[in-house]
PDB file of all heavy atoms in Angstrom:
ATOM      1  N   ILE A   1       0.786  -1.266   0.021  1.00  0.00           N
ATOM      2  CA  ILE A   1       0.030  -0.031   0.009  1.00  0.00           C
ATOM      3  C   ILE A   1       0.863   1.256  -0.050  1.00  0.00           C
ATOM      4  O   ILE A   1       0.605   2.174  -0.800  1.00  0.00           O
ATOM      5  CB  ILE A   1      -1.029  -0.043   1.165  1.00  0.00           C
ATOM      6  CG1 ILE A   1      -2.037  -1.095   0.993  1.00  0.00           C
ATOM      7  CG2 ILE A   1      -1.608   1.377   1.389  1.00  0.00           C
ATOM      8  CD1 ILE A   1      -2.974  -1.333   2.161  1.00  0.00           C
ATOM      9  N   THR A   2       1.866   1.272   0.869  1.00  0.00           N
ATOM     10  CA  THR A   2       2.719   2.502   0.968  1.00  0.00           C
ATOM     11  C   THR A   2       3.613   2.724  -0.307  1.00  0.00           C
ATOM     12  O   THR A   2       4.071   3.821  -0.520  1.00  0.00           O
ATOM     13  CB  THR A   2       3.613   2.426   2.226  1.00  0.00           C
ATOM     14  OG1 THR A   2       4.356   1.297   2.179  1.00  0.00           O
ATOM     15  CG2 THR A   2       2.809   2.483   3.459  1.00  0.00           C
ATOM     16  N   ALA A   3       3.734   1.638  -1.104  1.00  0.00           N
ATOM     17  CA  ALA A   3       4.429   1.763  -2.318  1.00  0.00           C
ATOM     18  C   ALA A   3       3.625   2.320  -3.466  1.00  0.00           C
ATOM     19  O   ALA A   3       4.201   2.726  -4.563  1.00  0.00           O
ATOM     20  CB  ALA A   3       5.085   0.424  -2.766  1.00  0.00           C
ATOM     21  N   MET A   4       2.378   2.394  -3.285  1.00  0.00           N
ATOM     22  CA  MET A   4       1.445   2.849  -4.364  1.00  0.00           C
ATOM     23  C   MET A   4       1.549   4.360  -4.617  1.00  0.00           C
ATOM     24  O   MET A   4       1.754   5.089  -3.647  1.00  0.00           O
ATOM     25  CB  MET A   4      -0.044   2.464  -3.962  1.00  0.00           C
ATOM     26  CG  MET A   4      -0.241   0.979  -3.950  1.00  0.00           C
ATOM     27  SD  MET A   4      -1.958   0.635  -3.325  1.00  0.00           S
ATOM     28  CE  MET A   4      -2.880   0.854  -4.897  1.00  0.00           C
ATOM     29  N   ASP A   5       1.440   4.728  -5.878  1.00  0.00           N
ATOM     30  CA  ASP A   5       1.421   6.201  -6.194  1.00  0.00           C
ATOM     31  C   ASP A   5       0.312   6.897  -5.477  1.00  0.00           C
ATOM     32  O   ASP A   5       0.505   8.138  -5.016  1.00  0.00           O
ATOM     33  CB  ASP A   5       1.280   6.383  -7.710  1.00  0.00           C
ATOM     34  CG  ASP A   5       2.564   5.915  -8.390  1.00  0.00           C
ATOM     35  OD1 ASP A   5       3.572   5.817  -7.865  1.00  0.00           O
ATOM     36  OD2 ASP A   5       2.329   5.668  -9.683  1.00  0.00           O
ATOM     37  N   GLU A   6      -0.880   6.255  -5.402  1.00  0.00           N
ATOM     38  CA  GLU A   6      -2.000   6.906  -4.741  1.00  0.00           C
ATOM     39  C   GLU A   6      -1.705   7.199  -3.277  1.00  0.00           C
ATOM     40  O   GLU A   6      -2.167   8.260  -2.683  1.00  0.00           O
ATOM     41  CB  GLU A   6      -3.304   6.066  -4.851  1.00  0.00           C
ATOM     42  CG  GLU A   6      -3.735   5.917  -6.279  1.00  0.00           C
ATOM     43  CD  GLU A   6      -3.056   4.844  -7.144  1.00  0.00           C
ATOM     44  OE1 GLU A   6      -2.042   4.219  -6.624  1.00  0.00           O
ATOM     45  OE2 GLU A   6      -3.432   4.623  -8.287  1.00  0.00           O
ATOM     46  N   PHE A   7      -0.960   6.383  -2.616  1.00  0.00           N
ATOM     47  CA  PHE A   7      -0.619   6.594  -1.220  1.00  0.00           C
ATOM     48  C   PHE A   7       0.271   7.881  -1.110  1.00  0.00           C
ATOM     49  O   PHE A   7       0.010   8.653  -0.140  1.00  0.00           O
ATOM     50  CB  PHE A   7       0.107   5.362  -0.625  1.00  0.00           C
ATOM     51  CG  PHE A   7       0.358   5.451   0.831  1.00  0.00           C
ATOM     52  CD1 PHE A   7      -0.586   5.216   1.749  1.00  0.00           C
ATOM     53  CD2 PHE A   7       1.555   5.919   1.312  1.00  0.00           C
ATOM     54  CE1 PHE A   7      -0.411   5.288   3.127  1.00  0.00           C
ATOM     55  CE2 PHE A   7       1.767   6.018   2.700  1.00  0.00           C
ATOM     56  CZ  PHE A   7       0.821   5.711   3.590  1.00  0.00           C
ATOM     57  N   ALA A   8       1.228   7.999  -1.971  1.00  0.00           N
ATOM     58  CA  ALA A   8       2.012   9.152  -1.952  1.00  0.00           C
ATOM     59  C   ALA A   8       1.213  10.427  -2.207  1.00  0.00           C
ATOM     60  O   ALA A   8       1.396  11.418  -1.639  1.00  0.00           O
ATOM     61  CB  ALA A   8       3.183   9.059  -2.961  1.00  0.00           C
ATOM     62  N   GLU A   9       0.323  10.348  -3.088  1.00  0.00           N
ATOM     63  CA  GLU A   9      -0.639  11.457  -3.404  1.00  0.00           C
ATOM     64  C   GLU A   9      -1.491  11.865  -2.166  1.00  0.00           C
ATOM     65  O   GLU A   9      -1.678  12.992  -1.864  1.00  0.00           O
ATOM     66  CB  GLU A   9      -1.588  11.120  -4.603  1.00  0.00           C
ATOM     67  CG  GLU A   9      -0.838  11.028  -5.946  1.00  0.00           C
ATOM     68  CD  GLU A   9      -1.798  10.567  -7.103  1.00  0.00           C
ATOM     69  OE1 GLU A   9      -2.974  10.620  -6.917  1.00  0.00           O
ATOM     70  OE2 GLU A   9      -1.288  10.172  -8.093  1.00  0.00           O
ATOM     71  N   LEU A  10      -1.976  10.812  -1.497  1.00  0.00           N
ATOM     72  CA  LEU A  10      -2.725  11.011  -0.271  1.00  0.00           C
ATOM     73  C   LEU A  10      -1.850  11.720   0.755  1.00  0.00           C
ATOM     74  O   LEU A  10      -2.310  12.687   1.403  1.00  0.00           O
ATOM     75  CB  LEU A  10      -3.240   9.685   0.243  1.00  0.00           C
ATOM     76  CG  LEU A  10      -3.995   9.762   1.590  1.00  0.00           C
ATOM     77  CD1 LEU A  10      -5.238  10.613   1.523  1.00  0.00           C
ATOM     78  CD2 LEU A  10      -4.273   8.371   2.159  1.00  0.00           C
ATOM     79  N   GLU A  11      -0.638  11.261   0.985  1.00  0.00           N
ATOM     80  CA  GLU A  11       0.178  11.906   1.916  1.00  0.00           C
ATOM     81  C   GLU A  11       0.447  13.371   1.557  1.00  0.00           C
ATOM     82  O   GLU A  11       0.517  14.257   2.503  1.00  0.00           O
ATOM     83  CB  GLU A  11       1.553  11.108   2.064  1.00  0.00           C
ATOM     84  CG  GLU A  11       1.393   9.801   2.827  1.00  0.00           C
ATOM     85  CD  GLU A  11       2.709   9.188   3.119  1.00  0.00           C
ATOM     86  OE1 GLU A  11       3.671   9.245   2.287  1.00  0.00           O
ATOM     87  OE2 GLU A  11       2.908   8.667   4.263  1.00  0.00           O
ATOM     88  N   GLN A  12       0.657  13.694   0.300  1.00  0.00           N
ATOM     89  CA  GLN A  12       0.879  15.020  -0.125  1.00  0.00           C
ATOM     90  C   GLN A  12      -0.357  15.832   0.139  1.00  0.00           C
ATOM     91  O   GLN A  12      -0.307  16.972   0.565  1.00  0.00           O
ATOM     92  CB  GLN A  12       1.276  15.058  -1.633  1.00  0.00           C
ATOM     93  CG  GLN A  12       2.635  14.474  -1.899  1.00  0.00           C
ATOM     94  CD  GLN A  12       2.944  14.371  -3.380  1.00  0.00           C
ATOM     95  OE1 GLN A  12       2.096  14.556  -4.200  1.00  0.00           O
ATOM     96  NE2 GLN A  12       4.126  14.014  -3.701  1.00  0.00           N
ATOM     97  N   ALA A  13      -1.458  15.292  -0.145  1.00  0.00           N
ATOM     98  CA  ALA A  13      -2.774  16.079   0.064  1.00  0.00           C
ATOM     99  C   ALA A  13      -2.996  16.335   1.559  1.00  0.00           C
ATOM    100  O   ALA A  13      -3.439  17.398   1.840  1.00  0.00           O
ATOM    101  CB  ALA A  13      -3.929  15.211  -0.634  1.00  0.00           C
ATOM    102  N   GLN A  14      -2.724  15.377   2.382  1.00  0.00           N
ATOM    103  CA  GLN A  14      -2.789  15.573   3.772  1.00  0.00           C
ATOM    104  C   GLN A  14      -1.915  16.607   4.310  1.00  0.00           C
ATOM    105  O   GLN A  14      -2.314  17.405   5.146  1.00  0.00           O
ATOM    106  CB  GLN A  14      -2.622  14.160   4.572  1.00  0.00           C
ATOM    107  CG  GLN A  14      -3.779  13.244   4.361  1.00  0.00           C
ATOM    108  CD  GLN A  14      -3.488  11.842   5.015  1.00  0.00           C
ATOM    109  OE1 GLN A  14      -2.293  11.443   5.061  1.00  0.00           O
ATOM    110  NE2 GLN A  14      -4.511  11.200   5.371  1.00  0.00           N
ATOM    111  N   ALA A  15      -0.683  16.615   3.786  1.00  0.00           N
ATOM    112  CA  ALA A  15       0.267  17.620   4.134  1.00  0.00           C
ATOM    113  C   ALA A  15      -0.276  19.020   3.731  1.00  0.00           C
ATOM    114  O   ALA A  15      -0.148  20.047   4.497  1.00  0.00           O
ATOM    115  CB  ALA A  15       1.630  17.410   3.575  1.00  0.00           C
ATOM    116  N   ALA A  16      -0.832  19.072   2.544  1.00  0.00           N
ATOM    117  CA  ALA A  16      -1.304  20.369   2.084  1.00  0.00           C
ATOM    118  C   ALA A  16      -2.512  20.865   2.922  1.00  0.00           C
ATOM    119  O   ALA A  16      -2.650  22.053   3.194  1.00  0.00           O
ATOM    120  CB  ALA A  16      -1.784  20.242   0.596  1.00  0.00           C
ATOM    121  N   VAL A  17      -3.386  19.915   3.293  1.00  0.00           N
ATOM    122  CA  VAL A  17      -4.471  20.265   4.248  1.00  0.00           C
ATOM    123  C   VAL A  17      -3.938  20.793   5.581  1.00  0.00           C
ATOM    124  O   VAL A  17      -4.460  21.811   6.063  1.00  0.00           O
ATOM    125  CB  VAL A  17      -5.455  19.140   4.394  1.00  0.00           C
ATOM    126  CG1 VAL A  17      -6.446  19.338   5.526  1.00  0.00           C
ATOM    127  CG2 VAL A  17      -6.153  18.824   3.092  1.00  0.00           C
ATOM    128  N   ARG A  18      -2.965  20.105   6.151  1.00  0.00           N
ATOM    129  CA  ARG A  18      -2.470  20.557   7.426  1.00  0.00           C
ATOM    130  C   ARG A  18      -1.824  22.019   7.279  1.00  0.00           C
ATOM    131  O   ARG A  18      -2.068  22.849   8.065  1.00  0.00           O
ATOM    132  CB  ARG A  18      -1.414  19.634   7.935  1.00  0.00           C
ATOM    133  CG  ARG A  18      -2.000  18.366   8.481  1.00  0.00           C
ATOM    134  CD  ARG A  18      -0.960  17.501   9.174  1.00  0.00           C
ATOM    135  NE  ARG A  18       0.090  17.004   8.337  1.00  0.00           N
ATOM    136  CZ  ARG A  18       0.055  15.877   7.658  1.00  0.00           C
ATOM    137  NH1 ARG A  18      -1.006  15.067   7.715  1.00  0.00           N
ATOM    138  NH2 ARG A  18       1.068  15.486   6.871  1.00  0.00           N
ATOM    139  N   ALA A  19      -1.139  22.266   6.154  1.00  0.00           N
ATOM    140  CA  ALA A  19      -0.518  23.524   5.937  1.00  0.00           C
ATOM    141  C   ALA A  19      -1.586  24.537   5.744  1.00  0.00           C
ATOM    142  O   ALA A  19      -1.565  25.748   6.295  1.00  0.00           O
ATOM    143  CB  ALA A  19       0.397  23.482   4.727  1.00  0.00           C
ATOM    144  N   ALA A  20      -2.743  24.178   4.981  1.00  0.00           N
ATOM    145  CA  ALA A  20      -3.800  25.187   4.787  1.00  0.00           C
ATOM    146  C   ALA A  20      -4.511  25.483   6.113  1.00  0.00           C
ATOM    147  O   ALA A  20      -4.963  26.585   6.392  1.00  0.00           O
ATOM    148  CB  ALA A  20      -4.755  24.660   3.763  1.00  0.00           C
ATOM    149  N   SER A  21      -4.646  24.469   6.911  1.00  0.00           N
ATOM    150  CA  SER A  21      -5.284  24.695   8.214  1.00  0.00           C
ATOM    151  C   SER A  21      -4.497  25.671   9.102  1.00  0.00           C
ATOM    152  O   SER A  21      -5.055  26.554   9.746  1.00  0.00           O
ATOM    153  CB  SER A  21      -5.432  23.306   8.950  1.00  0.00           C
ATOM    154  OG  SER A  21      -5.990  23.455  10.210  1.00  0.00           O
ATOM    155  N   VAL A  22      -3.196  25.446   9.057  1.00  0.00           N
ATOM    156  CA  VAL A  22      -2.290  26.412   9.902  1.00  0.00           C
ATOM    157  C   VAL A  22      -2.480  27.798   9.358  1.00  0.00           C
ATOM    158  O   VAL A  22      -2.672  28.798  10.078  1.00  0.00           O
ATOM    159  CB  VAL A  22      -0.865  26.004   9.793  1.00  0.00           C
ATOM    160  CG1 VAL A  22       0.088  27.067  10.397  1.00  0.00           C
ATOM    161  CG2 VAL A  22      -0.678  24.715  10.549  1.00  0.00           C
ATOM    162  N   ARG A  23      -2.492  27.988   7.991  1.00  0.00           N
ATOM    163  CA  ARG A  23      -2.581  29.280   7.430  1.00  0.00           C
ATOM    164  C   ARG A  23      -4.014  29.903   7.739  1.00  0.00           C
ATOM    165  O   ARG A  23      -4.054  31.026   8.062  1.00  0.00           O
ATOM    166  CB  ARG A  23      -2.450  29.251   5.903  1.00  0.00           C
ATOM    167  CG  ARG A  23      -0.960  29.001   5.456  1.00  0.00           C
ATOM    168  CD  ARG A  23      -0.736  29.224   3.974  1.00  0.00           C
ATOM    169  NE  ARG A  23      -1.594  28.454   3.143  1.00  0.00           N
ATOM    170  CZ  ARG A  23      -1.424  27.217   2.727  1.00  0.00           C
ATOM    171  NH1 ARG A  23      -0.301  26.563   3.075  1.00  0.00           N
ATOM    172  NH2 ARG A  23      -2.269  26.568   1.915  1.00  0.00           N
ATOM    173  N   LEU A  24      -4.945  29.125   7.697  1.00  0.00           N
ATOM    174  CA  LEU A  24      -6.309  29.563   8.041  1.00  0.00           C
ATOM    175  C   LEU A  24      -6.417  30.072   9.538  1.00  0.00           C
ATOM    176  O   LEU A  24      -6.929  31.048   9.850  1.00  0.00           O
ATOM    177  CB  LEU A  24      -7.456  28.471   7.743  1.00  0.00           C
ATOM    178  CG  LEU A  24      -8.874  28.862   8.151  1.00  0.00           C
ATOM    179  CD1 LEU A  24      -9.286  30.066   7.413  1.00  0.00           C
ATOM    180  CD2 LEU A  24      -9.761  27.668   7.992  1.00  0.00           C
ATOM    181  N   LYS A  25      -5.817  29.253  10.363  1.00  0.00           N
ATOM    182  CA  LYS A  25      -5.887  29.651  11.774  1.00  0.00           C
ATOM    183  C   LYS A  25      -5.172  30.988  12.014  1.00  0.00           C
ATOM    184  O   LYS A  25      -5.550  31.887  12.760  1.00  0.00           O
ATOM    185  CB  LYS A  25      -5.250  28.572  12.695  1.00  0.00           C
ATOM    186  CG  LYS A  25      -6.104  27.342  12.815  1.00  0.00           C
ATOM    187  CD  LYS A  25      -5.372  26.241  13.636  1.00  0.00           C
ATOM    188  CE  LYS A  25      -6.236  24.977  13.669  1.00  0.00           C
ATOM    189  NZ  LYS A  25      -5.593  23.880  14.350  1.00  0.00           N
ATOM    190  N   LEU A  26      -3.961  31.147  11.375  1.00  0.00           N
ATOM    191  CA  LEU A  26      -3.310  32.422  11.431  1.00  0.00           C
ATOM    192  C   LEU A  26      -4.100  33.548  10.864  1.00  0.00           C
ATOM    193  O   LEU A  26      -4.071  34.696  11.395  1.00  0.00           O
ATOM    194  CB  LEU A  26      -1.868  32.304  10.734  1.00  0.00           C
ATOM    195  CG  LEU A  26      -0.862  31.299  11.480  1.00  0.00           C
ATOM    196  CD1 LEU A  26       0.345  31.214  10.523  1.00  0.00           C
ATOM    197  CD2 LEU A  26      -0.449  31.906  12.809  1.00  0.00           C
ATOM    198  N   ALA A  27      -4.705  33.346   9.779  1.00  0.00           N
ATOM    199  CA  ALA A  27      -5.505  34.351   9.112  1.00  0.00           C
ATOM    200  C   ALA A  27      -6.675  34.809  10.023  1.00  0.00           C
ATOM    201  O   ALA A  27      -6.986  35.968  10.106  1.00  0.00           O
ATOM    202  CB  ALA A  27      -5.947  33.847   7.770  1.00  0.00           C
ATOM    203  N   ILE A  28      -7.330  33.818  10.616  1.00  0.00           N
ATOM    204  CA  ILE A  28      -8.419  34.066  11.626  1.00  0.00           C
ATOM    205  C   ILE A  28      -7.962  34.937  12.733  1.00  0.00           C
ATOM    206  O   ILE A  28      -8.570  35.909  13.124  1.00  0.00           O
ATOM    207  CB  ILE A  28      -9.120  32.781  12.036  1.00  0.00           C
ATOM    208  CG1 ILE A  28      -9.903  32.131  10.879  1.00  0.00           C
ATOM    209  CG2 ILE A  28      -9.942  32.991  13.172  1.00  0.00           C
ATOM    210  CD1 ILE A  28     -10.406  30.698  11.161  1.00  0.00           C
ATOM    211  N   ARG A  29      -6.802  34.557  13.311  1.00  0.00           N
ATOM    212  CA  ARG A  29      -6.247  35.275  14.420  1.00  0.00           C
ATOM    213  C   ARG A  29      -5.841  36.745  14.026  1.00  0.00           C
ATOM    214  O   ARG A  29      -5.922  37.662  14.863  1.00  0.00           O
ATOM    215  CB  ARG A  29      -5.003  34.551  15.026  1.00  0.00           C
ATOM    216  CG  ARG A  29      -5.442  33.361  15.731  1.00  0.00           C
ATOM    217  CD  ARG A  29      -4.178  32.678  16.368  1.00  0.00           C
ATOM    218  NE  ARG A  29      -4.591  31.389  16.863  1.00  0.00           N
ATOM    219  CZ  ARG A  29      -3.761  30.332  16.870  1.00  0.00           C
ATOM    220  NH1 ARG A  29      -2.534  30.427  16.354  1.00  0.00           N
ATOM    221  NH2 ARG A  29      -4.188  29.143  17.275  1.00  0.00           N
ATOM    222  N   SER A  30      -5.459  36.960  12.817  1.00  0.00           N
ATOM    223  CA  SER A  30      -5.018  38.201  12.388  1.00  0.00           C
ATOM    224  C   SER A  30      -6.163  39.111  11.877  1.00  0.00           C
ATOM    225  O   SER A  30      -5.982  40.251  11.553  1.00  0.00           O
ATOM    226  CB  SER A  30      -3.838  38.170  11.416  1.00  0.00           C
ATOM    227  OG  SER A  30      -4.360  37.622  10.265  1.00  0.00           O
ATOM    228  N   ASN A  31      -7.338  38.525  11.756  1.00  0.00           N
ATOM    229  CA  ASN A  31      -8.509  39.262  11.169  1.00  0.00           C
ATOM    230  C   ASN A  31      -9.220  40.059  12.407  1.00  0.00           C
ATOM    231  O   ASN A  31      -9.620  39.509  13.330  1.00  0.00           O
ATOM    232  CB  ASN A  31      -9.511  38.334  10.587  1.00  0.00           C
ATOM    233  CG  ASN A  31     -10.709  39.038   9.975  1.00  0.00           C
ATOM    234  OD1 ASN A  31     -11.422  39.615  10.653  1.00  0.00           O
ATOM    235  ND2 ASN A  31     -10.778  38.833   8.634  1.00  0.00           N
ATOM    236  N   ALA A  32      -9.212  41.356  12.263  1.00  0.00           N
ATOM    237  CA  ALA A  32      -9.681  42.228  13.331  1.00  0.00           C
ATOM    238  C   ALA A  32     -11.161  41.921  13.670  1.00  0.00           C
ATOM    239  O   ALA A  32     -11.576  41.926  14.771  1.00  0.00           O
ATOM    240  CB  ALA A  32      -9.481  43.670  13.020  1.00  0.00           C
ATOM    241  N   GLU A  33     -11.943  41.779  12.597  1.00  0.00           N
ATOM    242  CA  GLU A  33     -13.450  41.616  12.837  1.00  0.00           C
ATOM    243  C   GLU A  33     -13.677  40.268  13.478  1.00  0.00           C
ATOM    244  O   GLU A  33     -14.495  40.146  14.480  1.00  0.00           O
ATOM    245  CB  GLU A  33     -14.163  41.597  11.533  1.00  0.00           C
ATOM    246  CG  GLU A  33     -15.698  41.515  11.638  1.00  0.00           C
ATOM    247  CD  GLU A  33     -16.431  41.637  10.317  1.00  0.00           C
ATOM    248  OE1 GLU A  33     -15.780  41.884   9.317  1.00  0.00           O
ATOM    249  OE2 GLU A  33     -17.639  41.581  10.399  1.00  0.00           O
ATOM    250  N   LEU A  34     -12.891  39.263  13.108  1.00  0.00           N
ATOM    251  CA  LEU A  34     -13.095  37.910  13.780  1.00  0.00           C
ATOM    252  C   LEU A  34     -12.609  37.948  15.135  1.00  0.00           C
ATOM    253  O   LEU A  34     -13.157  37.250  16.085  1.00  0.00           O
ATOM    254  CB  LEU A  34     -12.311  36.810  12.905  1.00  0.00           C
ATOM    255  CG  LEU A  34     -13.005  36.413  11.625  1.00  0.00           C
ATOM    256  CD1 LEU A  34     -12.056  35.471  10.826  1.00  0.00           C
ATOM    257  CD2 LEU A  34     -14.347  35.754  11.874  1.00  0.00           C
ATOM    258  N   THR A  35     -11.500  38.711  15.364  1.00  0.00           N
ATOM    259  CA  THR A  35     -11.011  38.841  16.824  1.00  0.00           C
ATOM    260  C   THR A  35     -11.999  39.431  17.715  1.00  0.00           C
ATOM    261  O   THR A  35     -12.371  39.069  18.800  1.00  0.00           O
ATOM    262  CB  THR A  35      -9.727  39.583  16.769  1.00  0.00           C
ATOM    263  OG1 THR A  35      -8.807  38.911  15.977  1.00  0.00           O
ATOM    264  CG2 THR A  35      -9.172  39.748  18.228  1.00  0.00           C
ATOM    265  N   ALA A  36     -12.645  40.544  17.126  1.00  0.00           N
ATOM    266  CA  ALA A  36     -13.687  41.287  17.899  1.00  0.00           C
ATOM    267  C   ALA A  36     -14.883  40.343  18.145  1.00  0.00           C
ATOM    268  O   ALA A  36     -15.443  40.299  19.290  1.00  0.00           O
ATOM    269  CB  ALA A  36     -14.153  42.494  17.146  1.00  0.00           C
ATOM    270  N   LEU A  37     -15.276  39.604  17.110  1.00  0.00           N
ATOM    271  CA  LEU A  37     -16.474  38.697  17.384  1.00  0.00           C
ATOM    272  C   LEU A  37     -16.101  37.589  18.485  1.00  0.00           C
ATOM    273  O   LEU A  37     -16.906  37.194  19.247  1.00  0.00           O
ATOM    274  CB  LEU A  37     -16.791  38.013  16.005  1.00  0.00           C
ATOM    275  CG  LEU A  37     -17.594  38.930  15.057  1.00  0.00           C
ATOM    276  CD1 LEU A  37     -17.719  38.167  13.768  1.00  0.00           C
ATOM    277  CD2 LEU A  37     -18.931  39.259  15.657  1.00  0.00           C
ATOM    278  N   GLU A  38     -14.855  37.171  18.402  1.00  0.00           N
ATOM    279  CA  GLU A  38     -14.387  36.091  19.334  1.00  0.00           C
ATOM    280  C   GLU A  38     -14.452  36.652  20.801  1.00  0.00           C
ATOM    281  O   GLU A  38     -14.864  36.028  21.681  1.00  0.00           O
ATOM    282  CB  GLU A  38     -12.978  35.612  19.106  1.00  0.00           C
ATOM    283  CG  GLU A  38     -12.532  34.506  20.018  1.00  0.00           C
ATOM    284  CD  GLU A  38     -13.343  33.268  20.163  1.00  0.00           C
ATOM    285  OE1 GLU A  38     -14.090  32.977  19.244  1.00  0.00           O
ATOM    286  OE2 GLU A  38     -13.188  32.632  21.132  1.00  0.00           O
ATOM    287  N   GLU A  39     -14.046  37.925  20.945  1.00  0.00           N
ATOM    288  CA  GLU A  39     -14.074  38.541  22.267  1.00  0.00           C
ATOM    289  C   GLU A  39     -15.495  38.743  22.676  1.00  0.00           C
ATOM    290  O   GLU A  39     -15.862  38.518  23.888  1.00  0.00           O
ATOM    291  CB  GLU A  39     -13.278  39.949  22.255  1.00  0.00           C
ATOM    292  CG  GLU A  39     -11.788  39.728  22.069  1.00  0.00           C
ATOM    293  CD  GLU A  39     -11.142  41.080  21.940  1.00  0.00           C
ATOM    294  OE1 GLU A  39     -11.825  42.112  21.843  1.00  0.00           O
ATOM    295  OE2 GLU A  39      -9.895  41.041  21.768  1.00  0.00           O
ATOM    296  N   LEU A  40     -16.387  39.145  21.787  1.00  0.00           N
ATOM    297  CA  LEU A  40     -17.793  39.298  22.094  1.00  0.00           C
ATOM    298  C   LEU A  40     -18.410  37.954  22.508  1.00  0.00           C
ATOM    299  O   LEU A  40     -19.201  37.870  23.489  1.00  0.00           O
ATOM    300  CB  LEU A  40     -18.579  39.870  20.902  1.00  0.00           C
ATOM    301  CG  LEU A  40     -20.008  40.155  21.085  1.00  0.00           C
ATOM    302  CD1 LEU A  40     -20.209  41.209  22.222  1.00  0.00           C
ATOM    303  CD2 LEU A  40     -20.610  40.779  19.769  1.00  0.00           C
ATOM    304  N   ARG A  41     -18.081  36.927  21.805  1.00  0.00           N
ATOM    305  CA  ARG A  41     -18.537  35.596  22.107  1.00  0.00           C
ATOM    306  C   ARG A  41     -18.183  35.149  23.484  1.00  0.00           C
ATOM    307  O   ARG A  41     -18.937  34.661  24.225  1.00  0.00           O
ATOM    308  CB  ARG A  41     -18.109  34.495  21.026  1.00  0.00           C
ATOM    309  CG  ARG A  41     -18.698  33.156  21.256  1.00  0.00           C
ATOM    310  CD  ARG A  41     -17.901  32.079  20.495  1.00  0.00           C
ATOM    311  NE  ARG A  41     -16.579  31.943  21.053  1.00  0.00           N
ATOM    312  CZ  ARG A  41     -16.260  31.258  22.157  1.00  0.00           C
ATOM    313  NH1 ARG A  41     -17.132  30.721  22.869  1.00  0.00           N
ATOM    314  NH2 ARG A  41     -14.965  31.155  22.573  1.00  0.00           N
TER     315      ARG A  41
END
């Protein structure tokens, strides 16, 4: 299974999702309106 091309593609896609998740979290934290809403919440 780990030798399959599809497995390598899956690992790359998972890494891309993790990186996008980190970027999204940083963008949310740096967004003033979202920060204000979080404080209000």
